[in-house]
Protein backbone atom coordinates (compact mmCIF):
# COMPACT_ATOMS: atom_id res chain seq x y z
CA UNK A 1 -59.63 127.95 121.93
CA UNK A 2 -57.69 125.13 123.84
CA UNK A 3 -59.70 122.67 125.91
CA UNK A 4 -57.02 122.62 128.44
CA UNK A 5 -57.61 125.26 131.36
CA UNK A 6 -54.96 127.85 131.38
CA UNK A 7 -54.42 130.50 134.07
CA UNK A 8 -55.41 134.00 132.91
CA UNK A 9 -52.32 136.44 132.90
CA UNK A 10 -54.07 138.66 135.30
CA UNK A 11 -54.91 136.14 137.85
CA UNK A 12 -52.34 135.72 140.66
CA UNK A 13 -51.48 132.14 141.47
CA UNK A 14 -52.31 132.11 144.90
CA UNK A 15 -54.54 130.39 147.33
CA UNK A 16 -56.22 131.47 150.44
CA UNK A 17 -53.73 131.91 153.55
CA UNK A 18 -54.88 130.99 157.08
CA UNK A 19 -53.31 134.33 158.30
CA UNK A 20 -54.58 137.74 159.28
CA UNK A 21 -56.00 140.34 156.61
CA UNK A 22 -52.77 142.19 156.64
CA UNK A 23 -50.85 138.92 155.66
CA UNK A 24 -53.23 138.47 152.75
CA UNK A 25 -51.94 142.04 151.33
CA UNK A 26 -48.47 140.47 151.09
CA UNK A 27 -47.13 139.35 147.67
CA UNK A 28 -47.64 135.42 146.96
CA UNK A 29 -43.89 135.02 146.72
CA UNK A 30 -43.55 136.77 150.25
CA UNK A 31 -46.02 134.15 151.91
CA UNK A 32 -46.11 130.37 151.66
CA UNK A 33 -49.20 129.06 149.58
CA UNK A 34 -51.47 127.53 152.23
CA UNK A 35 -55.06 126.57 151.90
CA UNK A 36 -57.63 128.30 154.00
CA UNK A 37 -58.12 125.86 157.14
CA UNK A 38 -61.81 125.86 157.90
CA UNK A 39 -64.10 123.25 159.14
CA UNK A 40 -65.70 121.96 155.84
CA UNK A 41 -68.74 119.67 156.88
CA UNK A 42 -69.80 117.23 154.34
CA UNK A 43 -72.79 117.92 152.00
CA UNK A 44 -75.29 116.11 154.20
CA UNK A 45 -75.80 115.30 157.88
CA UNK A 46 -78.18 112.62 159.10
CA UNK A 47 -80.29 113.44 161.72
CA UNK A 48 -81.05 111.07 164.78
CA UNK A 49 -84.41 110.13 163.13
CA UNK A 50 -82.55 108.88 160.00
CA UNK A 51 -83.75 111.74 157.97
CA UNK A 52 -81.09 114.06 156.00
CA UNK A 53 -80.90 117.83 156.32
CA UNK A 54 -78.19 120.44 154.68
CA UNK A 55 -75.03 120.95 156.59
CA UNK A 56 -74.67 123.59 158.64
CA UNK A 57 -73.35 127.15 157.22
CA UNK A 58 -69.59 127.77 157.76
CA UNK A 59 -68.79 131.57 157.95
CA UNK A 60 -65.82 133.45 157.17
CA UNK A 61 -63.40 133.52 159.82
CA UNK A 62 -61.73 136.86 159.13
CA UNK A 63 -63.14 140.06 156.98
CA UNK A 64 -61.92 140.18 153.46
CA UNK A 65 -60.91 143.45 151.76
CA UNK A 66 -62.43 144.79 148.70
CA UNK A 67 -61.20 147.84 146.85
CA UNK A 68 -63.40 149.74 144.21
CA UNK A 69 -61.34 151.37 141.56
CA UNK A 70 -62.16 153.04 138.61
CA UNK A 71 -58.68 153.02 136.53
CA UNK A 72 -56.04 154.00 138.96
CA UNK A 73 -58.48 156.01 141.01
CA UNK A 74 -59.44 154.05 144.39
CA UNK A 75 -63.10 155.02 145.07
CA UNK A 76 -63.75 152.83 148.26
CA UNK A 77 -62.27 150.26 150.46
CA UNK A 78 -64.55 147.69 152.57
CA UNK A 79 -63.68 145.16 154.92
CA UNK A 80 -66.17 142.40 155.31
CA UNK A 81 -66.79 139.18 156.92
CA UNK A 82 -70.30 138.51 155.64
CA UNK A 83 -71.39 135.20 154.26
CA UNK A 84 -73.16 137.13 151.28
CA UNK A 85 -71.48 140.53 150.17
CA UNK A 86 -74.12 142.58 147.58
CA UNK A 87 -72.53 144.91 145.08
CA UNK A 88 -74.90 147.06 143.12
CA UNK A 89 -76.24 150.71 142.43
CA UNK A 90 -78.84 150.33 145.03
CA UNK A 91 -78.68 151.82 148.60
CA UNK A 92 -79.56 148.57 150.30
CA UNK A 93 -76.18 146.90 149.19
CA UNK A 94 -73.20 146.27 150.99
CA UNK A 95 -70.80 147.75 148.43
CA UNK A 96 -72.69 150.87 146.71
CA UNK A 97 -71.20 152.10 143.51
CA UNK A 98 -73.30 155.13 142.36
CA UNK A 99 -73.02 154.99 138.67
CA UNK A 100 -75.49 154.28 135.65
CA UNK A 101 -73.14 151.54 134.26
CA UNK A 102 -73.62 149.46 137.45
CA UNK A 103 -77.17 147.67 138.13
CA UNK A 104 -79.16 148.21 141.29
CA UNK A 105 -78.31 144.66 142.09
CA UNK A 106 -75.10 143.87 139.95
CA UNK A 107 -73.54 140.89 141.88
CA UNK A 108 -72.91 138.98 144.90
CA UNK A 109 -69.85 137.38 146.58
CA UNK A 110 -71.22 134.23 148.57
CA UNK A 111 -68.94 132.22 151.02
CA UNK A 112 -69.33 128.63 150.02
CA UNK A 113 -67.13 125.40 150.81
CA UNK A 114 -64.54 127.53 152.50
CA UNK A 115 -63.99 130.33 149.81
CA UNK A 116 -65.61 133.06 148.04
CA UNK A 117 -67.53 133.03 144.80
CA UNK A 118 -68.37 135.80 142.39
CA UNK A 119 -71.91 135.40 140.87
CA UNK A 120 -73.78 137.72 138.24
CA UNK A 121 -77.16 138.73 139.38
CA UNK A 122 -78.08 139.29 135.37
CA UNK A 123 -76.79 142.78 135.33
CA UNK A 124 -77.36 144.76 131.94
CA UNK A 125 -73.53 145.44 131.87
CA UNK A 126 -72.36 141.94 133.01
CA UNK A 127 -69.77 140.77 135.72
CA UNK A 128 -66.29 139.91 134.80
CA UNK A 129 -63.39 138.12 136.60
CA UNK A 130 -60.07 139.24 135.29
CA UNK A 131 -61.49 140.54 132.10
CA UNK A 132 -63.54 137.44 131.08
CA UNK A 133 -67.51 136.92 131.45
CA UNK A 134 -68.27 135.44 134.91
CA UNK A 135 -71.39 133.85 135.87
CA UNK A 136 -70.60 131.89 139.11
CA UNK A 137 -66.87 131.47 139.47
CA UNK A 138 -64.39 130.95 142.61
CA UNK A 139 -62.45 133.89 143.89
CA UNK A 140 -58.58 133.96 144.80
CA UNK A 141 -56.81 137.02 146.34
CA UNK A 142 -55.90 139.53 143.69
CA UNK A 143 -58.83 138.81 141.52
CA UNK A 144 -60.02 141.68 139.81
CA UNK A 145 -63.86 141.75 139.13
CA UNK A 146 -65.59 143.97 136.34
CA UNK A 147 -68.68 145.81 137.73
CA UNK A 148 -69.80 148.20 134.91
CA UNK A 149 -67.04 150.81 134.33
CA UNK A 150 -65.38 149.86 138.03
CA UNK A 151 -62.95 147.13 139.30
CA UNK A 152 -63.64 145.32 142.62
CA UNK A 153 -60.33 143.99 143.78
CA UNK A 154 -60.57 140.84 145.80
CA UNK A 155 -58.02 140.89 148.62
CA UNK A 156 -55.46 143.03 147.01
CA UNK A 157 -51.59 142.47 146.99
CA UNK A 158 -49.04 144.94 147.72
CA UNK A 159 -48.48 145.29 144.10
CA UNK A 160 -52.16 146.04 143.37
CA UNK A 161 -52.30 148.57 146.25
CA UNK A 162 -49.36 150.33 144.80
CA UNK A 163 -51.02 150.98 141.31
CA UNK A 164 -53.67 152.96 143.06
CA UNK A 165 -53.21 156.86 142.27
CA UNK A 166 -54.12 158.06 146.16
CA UNK A 167 -55.49 156.44 149.36
CA UNK A 168 -58.99 157.24 150.54
CA UNK A 169 -59.57 159.54 153.52
CA UNK A 170 -60.92 158.23 157.00
CA UNK A 171 -64.55 159.40 156.84
CA UNK A 172 -67.03 156.81 157.07
CA UNK A 173 -70.87 156.45 155.83
CA UNK A 174 -73.61 154.19 157.00
CA UNK A 175 -72.91 150.76 156.06
CA UNK A 176 -74.57 147.17 157.32
CA UNK A 177 -73.25 146.03 160.76
CA UNK A 178 -70.88 143.48 159.46
CA UNK A 179 -69.36 145.70 156.63
CA UNK A 180 -66.91 148.46 157.19
CA UNK A 181 -66.49 150.95 154.45
CA UNK A 182 -64.57 153.98 153.91
CA UNK A 183 -65.25 156.45 150.78
CA UNK A 184 -63.42 159.38 149.09
CA UNK A 185 -64.37 162.92 150.19
CA UNK A 186 -67.00 164.91 147.76
CA UNK A 187 -64.35 166.51 145.74
CA UNK A 188 -62.83 163.33 144.68
CA UNK A 189 -65.85 161.66 143.83
CA UNK A 190 -66.80 164.42 141.71
CA UNK A 191 -63.34 163.56 140.06
CA UNK A 192 -64.32 159.73 139.42
CA UNK A 193 -67.58 160.79 137.86
CA UNK A 194 -65.68 162.84 135.41
CA UNK A 195 -63.68 160.21 134.62
CA UNK A 196 -66.76 157.85 134.30
CA UNK A 197 -67.90 160.29 131.41
CA UNK A 198 -64.71 160.18 129.58
CA UNK A 199 -64.78 156.29 129.63
CA UNK A 200 -68.26 156.15 128.20
CA UNK A 201 -66.63 156.42 124.88
CA UNK A 202 -65.12 153.68 122.97
CA UNK A 203 -62.10 152.48 124.51
CA UNK A 204 -59.55 149.70 125.21
CA UNK A 205 -59.26 148.33 128.71
CA UNK A 206 -55.87 147.06 129.79
CA UNK A 207 -55.73 143.60 131.33
CA UNK A 208 -52.72 142.99 133.17
CA UNK A 209 -49.49 144.70 133.85
CA UNK A 210 -49.81 148.53 132.12
CA UNK A 211 -46.23 148.73 131.69
CA UNK A 212 -44.82 149.45 128.02
CA UNK A 213 -48.20 150.72 126.84
CA UNK A 214 -48.60 154.33 125.70
CA UNK A 215 -51.55 155.92 124.56
CA UNK A 216 -54.47 158.26 125.27
CA UNK A 217 -55.82 157.52 128.67
CA UNK A 218 -53.26 154.89 129.87
CA UNK A 219 -52.66 156.41 133.16
CA UNK A 220 -56.14 155.68 133.80
CA UNK A 221 -55.83 151.95 132.81
CA UNK A 222 -57.48 152.34 129.51
CA UNK A 223 -56.59 153.69 125.99
CA UNK A 224 -59.40 156.12 124.17
CA UNK A 225 -60.11 154.72 120.24
CA UNK A 226 -60.33 158.35 118.86
CA UNK A 227 -60.67 159.14 115.17
CA UNK A 228 -61.65 156.62 112.34
CA UNK A 229 -58.25 154.79 112.53
CA UNK A 230 -56.37 153.65 115.47
CA UNK A 231 -52.88 151.97 114.90
CA UNK A 232 -51.35 149.83 117.67
CA UNK A 233 -47.58 148.65 117.46
CA UNK A 234 -43.99 149.56 118.43
CA UNK A 235 -43.71 152.34 115.96
CA UNK A 236 -43.29 155.91 117.20
CA UNK A 237 -46.43 157.02 115.02
CA UNK A 238 -48.54 154.31 116.42
CA UNK A 239 -51.42 155.84 118.26
CA UNK A 240 -51.19 153.07 120.82
CA UNK A 241 -47.55 151.88 121.54
CA UNK A 242 -46.72 148.66 122.79
CA UNK A 243 -42.93 147.91 123.60
CA UNK A 244 -41.24 144.59 123.11
CA UNK A 245 -39.74 142.47 120.41
CA UNK A 246 -43.01 140.41 119.95
CA UNK A 247 -44.74 143.46 119.01
CA UNK A 248 -44.35 144.55 115.34
CA UNK A 249 -43.62 148.09 114.37
CA UNK A 250 -47.35 148.52 112.65
CA UNK A 251 -48.94 145.24 114.20
CA UNK A 252 -52.79 146.07 114.05
CA UNK A 253 -55.39 149.05 113.45
CA UNK A 254 -58.91 149.70 114.83
CA UNK A 255 -61.04 151.25 112.18
CA UNK A 256 -64.56 152.68 112.52
CA UNK A 257 -66.72 151.34 109.38
CA UNK A 258 -70.19 152.46 109.48
CA UNK A 259 -70.60 152.69 113.34
CA UNK A 260 -68.72 149.34 113.65
CA UNK A 261 -65.32 148.69 114.91
CA UNK A 262 -63.02 146.53 112.78
CA UNK A 263 -59.68 144.92 113.96
CA UNK A 264 -57.07 144.12 111.10
CA UNK A 265 -53.68 142.72 111.45
CA UNK A 266 -51.11 144.91 109.59
CA UNK A 267 -47.81 142.87 109.93
CA UNK A 268 -46.69 139.52 108.47
CA UNK A 269 -44.72 137.75 110.55
CA UNK A 270 -46.68 138.59 114.22
CA UNK A 271 -49.66 137.19 115.09
CA UNK A 272 -52.77 138.87 116.33
CA UNK A 273 -55.31 137.28 118.80
CA UNK A 274 -59.20 138.08 119.38
CA UNK A 275 -60.41 136.18 122.24
CA UNK A 276 -57.62 133.57 121.51
CA UNK A 277 -58.32 132.89 118.17
CA UNK A 278 -55.68 134.06 115.62
CA UNK A 279 -57.15 136.38 113.05
CA UNK A 280 -56.52 138.60 109.93
CA UNK A 281 -59.52 140.86 110.11
CA UNK A 282 -62.67 140.63 112.56
CA UNK A 283 -65.35 142.93 113.69
CA UNK A 284 -65.31 143.86 117.40
CA UNK A 285 -67.90 143.17 119.79
CA UNK A 286 -68.05 144.58 123.07
CA UNK A 287 -66.02 142.95 125.55
CA UNK A 288 -63.79 141.02 123.32
CA UNK A 289 -60.14 140.68 124.25
CA UNK A 290 -57.35 141.52 121.99
CA UNK A 291 -53.94 140.12 122.52
CA UNK A 292 -50.71 141.30 121.06
CA UNK A 293 -47.69 139.31 122.08
CA UNK A 294 -47.76 139.53 125.98
CA UNK A 295 -50.46 142.72 126.18
CA UNK A 296 -54.14 141.95 126.57
CA UNK A 297 -56.45 144.56 125.65
CA UNK A 298 -60.44 144.45 126.24
CA UNK A 299 -62.54 146.29 123.66
CA UNK A 300 -65.45 148.42 125.41
CA UNK A 301 -67.89 149.67 122.69
CA UNK A 302 -69.13 153.13 123.24
CA UNK A 303 -72.23 153.42 125.89
CA UNK A 304 -75.44 154.01 124.41
C-alpha cells in the first residue's frame, strides 16, 4: 500500500457548494467547485475574565439529502439540517433502517468545522465509506456510506439518482422535527426485505460504475457467489464477466475450501489485487476489496 493518499475511484472529487440543495444534486462538472462558506470560529474564544471556553457551535445552513438504498432499490430519502444525524435500527434514530444487519445505533453524521463527518459507533457490522472501513471520516457530496447491507448516499449526484430503480412515494412517517423523511410503501418494503434475504449469502458488492459487469445479481449492484468455483474474466463462460482489454479471458477464481473462500489468479500477464496488494493466491476475509483492472469488488462473507 502506498503511503501517498489517493482518491478512491468511487469518491467524486467534489467540494461543498454554497448553494441550494437542488444545486448540490448537479454533477461536479456542471457546477463550479467552491468551498461551503460558513462562519468558522477559531477553536477557542477568550472570555472577558481571561478564561477560555469552546467556540460556539456552527450549525448547518441548509438541509442535506440522504438516500438509503439496497442495491438499486431506493428505501428512503431524508432531508435534514441537524447538527448530529443518527442512523440505526432503533426507532429513536433520525434515519431508521429496520434490518438485522444494522445496529440499533450504527453511526452518526456530525457537523464539525463547516462540514459533516461520518462516525462509526462500534456497530457489529461496521461502517464503510466508499467501500473502505470508516471510523471518523469527512464527507463530500456523492459519498456512499455502507450501513449493514444498505448504502446511505450523502448529497447524491444526478448520476447516482439515475441509478436508482424507482422513486419513493410521497407518504410520510413520524420523524424528528428537524428531519423530513419519506418512505416506500409496505409492498415495496416487503420487496426490499426479500432482497436482503437474498444478499445474506456470500457475494461481491460492486464498488463504483457497474457497467461492463455481468453476473448473477449484478442488477442489484452485487454478485452472488454460487457453487464451489466462480470464475471472473472476459470469457463468455466466466460466471462473472468483466469487459475490457485490462481483463484476461480467465482472470481469477473464487473457490470454497472447507468453509473458506480462496481467491486465485488464473492469468499470466494481468495482475490481481486484494486490498491493493498484488497476489497470486489468498484467503478472503469479510469486506476485502478485489481489484481487476478498473473494476473493484468488495467481498461480503455469508451472514452467520
